[in-house]
Amino acid sequence: MSLAREEKHLPVLIAICLAGNFVLGGIGQEFSSDSFGQIFSWQVGSLFYMAGCSLYAAKLHTDKWHISSAGFILLSIGQGIFYTIQNSVSDEQAYPLFAAGIMVFLPGMAFICYYSGFPVWLRIMGLVAIIPFIIVMVLIDLKKYDWDKNEWITAIGFALIQLTSLFWSYFALRPYKKTTTQD
């Protein structure tokens, strides 16, 4: 495959992966809690998210947006932590691992803010999307997190992350307009 063809496919693959995560997140939510359908949908959605973030990192690195590229790498790592939690650890082990995944998302979203190919509102939306996760992380660290009572906070966080990534997929397909000013 030629480099030109690969670069032509890159934004399409990013959009497919991030939109796939968004769709599978919603599908998983429709199944009963901890059912095969929910777990499988969310696992495949996580794989799509990790692939989409990895591809975005490659795209931004090629375009010389190194800090933003690192942000997408961190998001992929954080999602990988969430992926390993699904169906693989006990509840006692899950909370500290979940908090560790959240910690990786914090600098990731901040680094993505360097990318001026996203409008300011989308960069802010990415930062706002991690606020529910920060609340969850604090509750976990204080040992006050109760999955049954606080699940809604986590659900809002994931919904905001998925919505943000859906907008990222749009901007992956839309060509970046280079600015003449140097920041």
Protein backbone atom coordinates (compact mmCIF):
# COMPACT_ATOMS: atom_id res chain seq x y z
CA MET A 1 0.00 0.00 0.00
CA SER A 2 1.33 3.42 -0.86
CA LEU A 3 1.91 6.13 1.71
CA ALA A 4 -0.58 8.40 -0.07
CA ARG A 5 -3.25 5.72 0.14
CA GLU A 6 -2.52 5.10 3.81
CA GLU A 7 -2.76 8.82 4.59
CA LYS A 8 -6.07 8.93 2.70
CA HIS A 9 -7.43 6.07 4.83
CA LEU A 10 -6.12 7.44 8.14
CA PRO A 11 -8.87 10.04 8.85
CA VAL A 12 -11.57 7.59 7.76
CA LEU A 13 -10.25 4.90 10.10
CA ILE A 14 -10.03 7.41 12.96
CA ALA A 15 -13.64 8.44 12.39
CA ILE A 16 -14.85 4.84 12.14
CA CYS A 17 -13.08 3.85 15.35
CA LEU A 18 -14.23 6.82 17.43
CA ALA A 19 -17.79 6.71 16.06
CA GLY A 20 -17.82 2.94 16.66
CA ASN A 21 -16.91 3.52 20.29
CA PHE A 22 -19.75 6.04 20.60
CA VAL A 23 -22.30 3.64 19.08
CA LEU A 24 -21.13 0.61 21.07
CA GLY A 25 -21.22 2.60 24.30
CA GLY A 26 -24.88 3.33 23.70
CA ILE A 27 -25.64 -0.24 22.68
CA GLY A 28 -23.93 -1.59 25.79
CA GLN A 29 -26.00 0.72 27.96
CA GLU A 30 -29.18 -0.93 26.62
CA PHE A 31 -28.23 -4.35 28.01
CA SER A 32 -28.69 -5.37 31.62
CA SER A 33 -25.79 -4.64 33.96
CA ASP A 34 -22.87 -7.07 33.72
CA SER A 35 -24.59 -9.09 30.98
CA PHE A 36 -22.61 -10.62 28.12
CA GLY A 37 -24.11 -8.06 25.70
CA GLN A 38 -23.07 -5.10 27.83
CA ILE A 39 -19.58 -6.37 28.59
CA PHE A 40 -18.92 -7.42 24.98
CA SER A 41 -20.21 -4.11 23.55
CA TRP A 42 -18.10 -2.11 25.95
CA GLN A 43 -14.99 -4.25 25.35
CA VAL A 44 -15.24 -3.85 21.58
CA GLY A 45 -16.02 -0.14 22.06
CA SER A 46 -12.89 0.20 24.19
CA LEU A 47 -10.84 -1.46 21.47
CA PHE A 48 -12.27 0.98 18.92
CA TYR A 49 -11.44 3.91 21.22
CA MET A 50 -7.86 2.73 21.76
CA ALA A 51 -7.40 2.17 18.02
CA GLY A 52 -8.91 5.58 17.17
CA CYS A 53 -6.72 7.38 19.71
CA SER A 54 -3.62 5.53 18.50
CA LEU A 55 -4.40 6.47 14.90
CA TYR A 56 -5.04 10.09 15.89
CA ALA A 57 -1.71 10.10 17.72
CA ALA A 58 0.02 8.85 14.56
CA LYS A 59 -1.74 11.49 12.44
CA LEU A 60 -0.85 14.35 14.77
CA HIS A 61 2.73 13.16 15.16
CA THR A 62 3.11 13.08 11.37
CA ASP A 63 1.66 16.60 11.25
CA LYS A 64 4.24 17.63 13.91
CA TRP A 65 1.70 18.14 16.72
CA HIS A 66 3.85 16.18 19.18
CA ILE A 67 2.28 17.27 22.48
CA SER A 68 -1.25 16.63 21.22
CA SER A 69 -0.10 13.31 19.81
CA ALA A 70 1.16 12.36 23.27
CA GLY A 71 -2.27 13.29 24.64
CA PHE A 72 -3.95 10.73 22.40
CA ILE A 73 -1.35 8.14 23.39
CA LEU A 74 -2.19 8.77 27.05
CA LEU A 75 -5.92 8.42 26.34
CA SER A 76 -5.25 5.10 24.66
CA ILE A 77 -3.26 3.93 27.69
CA GLY A 78 -5.99 5.08 30.09
CA GLN A 79 -8.65 3.30 28.05
CA GLY A 80 -6.42 0.21 28.07
CA ILE A 81 -6.53 0.28 31.86
CA PHE A 82 -10.33 0.50 31.75
CA TYR A 83 -10.35 -2.36 29.22
CA THR A 84 -8.38 -4.65 31.52
CA ILE A 85 -10.78 -3.93 34.39
CA GLN A 86 -13.77 -5.15 32.39
CA ASN A 87 -14.39 -8.74 33.39
CA SER A 88 -10.86 -9.40 34.67
CA VAL A 89 -10.47 -8.17 38.26
CA SER A 90 -12.44 -8.34 41.48
CA ASP A 91 -14.42 -5.35 42.72
CA GLU A 92 -11.81 -4.73 45.42
CA GLN A 93 -9.08 -4.41 42.78
CA ALA A 94 -11.21 -2.50 40.27
CA TYR A 95 -11.52 0.82 42.10
CA PRO A 96 -7.78 1.59 42.48
CA LEU A 97 -7.19 0.50 38.86
CA PHE A 98 -10.06 2.69 37.69
CA ALA A 99 -8.53 5.65 39.55
CA ALA A 100 -5.19 4.90 37.85
CA GLY A 101 -6.88 4.98 34.43
CA ILE A 102 -8.48 8.29 35.30
CA MET A 103 -5.10 9.74 36.27
CA VAL A 104 -3.78 8.98 32.78
CA PHE A 105 -6.75 10.76 31.15
CA LEU A 106 -5.99 14.04 32.96
CA PRO A 107 -2.73 14.97 31.22
CA GLY A 108 -3.98 13.35 28.00
CA MET A 109 -6.91 15.75 27.68
CA ALA A 110 -4.72 18.69 28.70
CA PHE A 111 -2.13 17.83 26.02
CA ILE A 112 -4.82 17.56 23.35
CA CYS A 113 -5.68 21.21 24.06
CA TYR A 114 -2.48 22.17 22.23
CA TYR A 115 -4.00 21.05 18.92
CA SER A 116 -5.43 24.10 17.19
CA GLY A 117 -7.08 21.87 14.59
CA PHE A 118 -9.87 21.49 17.14
CA PRO A 119 -11.96 24.58 17.89
CA VAL A 120 -11.62 26.07 21.37
CA TRP A 121 -15.09 24.84 22.38
CA LEU A 122 -14.06 21.23 21.64
CA ARG A 123 -10.81 21.52 23.58
CA ILE A 124 -12.79 22.90 26.54
CA MET A 125 -15.36 20.13 26.12
CA GLY A 126 -12.56 17.57 26.44
CA LEU A 127 -11.47 19.12 29.71
CA VAL A 128 -15.05 19.32 31.00
CA ALA A 129 -15.54 15.65 30.07
CA ILE A 130 -12.95 14.55 32.63
CA ILE A 131 -14.51 16.46 35.55
CA PRO A 132 -16.86 13.58 36.46
CA PHE A 133 -13.84 11.26 36.42
CA ILE A 134 -11.91 13.56 38.75
CA ILE A 135 -14.86 13.42 41.17
CA VAL A 136 -14.88 9.62 40.93
CA MET A 137 -11.11 9.48 41.47
CA VAL A 138 -11.36 11.63 44.59
CA LEU A 139 -14.20 9.47 45.94
CA ILE A 140 -12.15 6.33 45.27
CA ASP A 141 -9.06 7.78 46.95
CA LEU A 142 -11.16 8.83 49.95
CA LYS A 143 -12.63 5.30 49.98
CA LYS A 144 -16.11 6.79 49.66
CA TYR A 145 -16.94 5.57 46.17
CA ASP A 146 -20.02 3.34 46.07
CA TRP A 147 -20.70 1.89 42.61
CA ASP A 148 -24.45 1.70 43.17
CA LYS A 149 -24.79 5.28 44.43
CA ASN A 150 -22.15 6.93 42.24
CA GLU A 151 -22.53 5.01 38.97
CA TRP A 152 -24.32 7.99 37.41
CA ILE A 153 -21.17 10.12 37.76
CA THR A 154 -19.13 7.52 35.91
CA ALA A 155 -21.83 7.17 33.23
CA ILE A 156 -21.85 10.93 32.64
CA GLY A 157 -18.06 10.91 32.34
CA PHE A 158 -18.05 8.16 29.74
CA ALA A 159 -20.93 9.76 27.83
CA LEU A 160 -19.04 13.09 27.69
CA ILE A 161 -15.81 11.38 26.60
CA GLN A 162 -17.66 9.50 23.87
CA LEU A 163 -19.44 12.64 22.69
CA THR A 164 -16.12 14.51 22.62
CA SER A 165 -14.55 11.70 20.61
CA LEU A 166 -17.45 11.79 18.16
CA PHE A 167 -16.61 15.45 17.47
CA TRP A 168 -12.93 14.48 17.14
CA SER A 169 -13.94 12.00 14.46
CA TYR A 170 -15.64 14.80 12.52
CA PHE A 171 -12.49 16.93 12.68
CA ALA A 172 -10.38 13.96 11.59
CA LEU A 173 -12.37 13.90 8.36
CA ARG A 174 -12.34 17.68 7.94
CA PRO A 175 -9.00 18.97 6.64
CA TYR A 176 -6.98 21.03 9.08
CA LYS A 177 -6.62 24.66 8.04
CA LYS A 178 -3.12 25.85 8.81
CA THR A 179 -2.91 29.19 10.52
CA THR A 180 -0.32 31.74 9.57
CA THR A 181 0.22 32.92 13.15
CA GLN A 182 2.76 31.24 15.33
CA ASP A 183 1.71 30.43 18.90
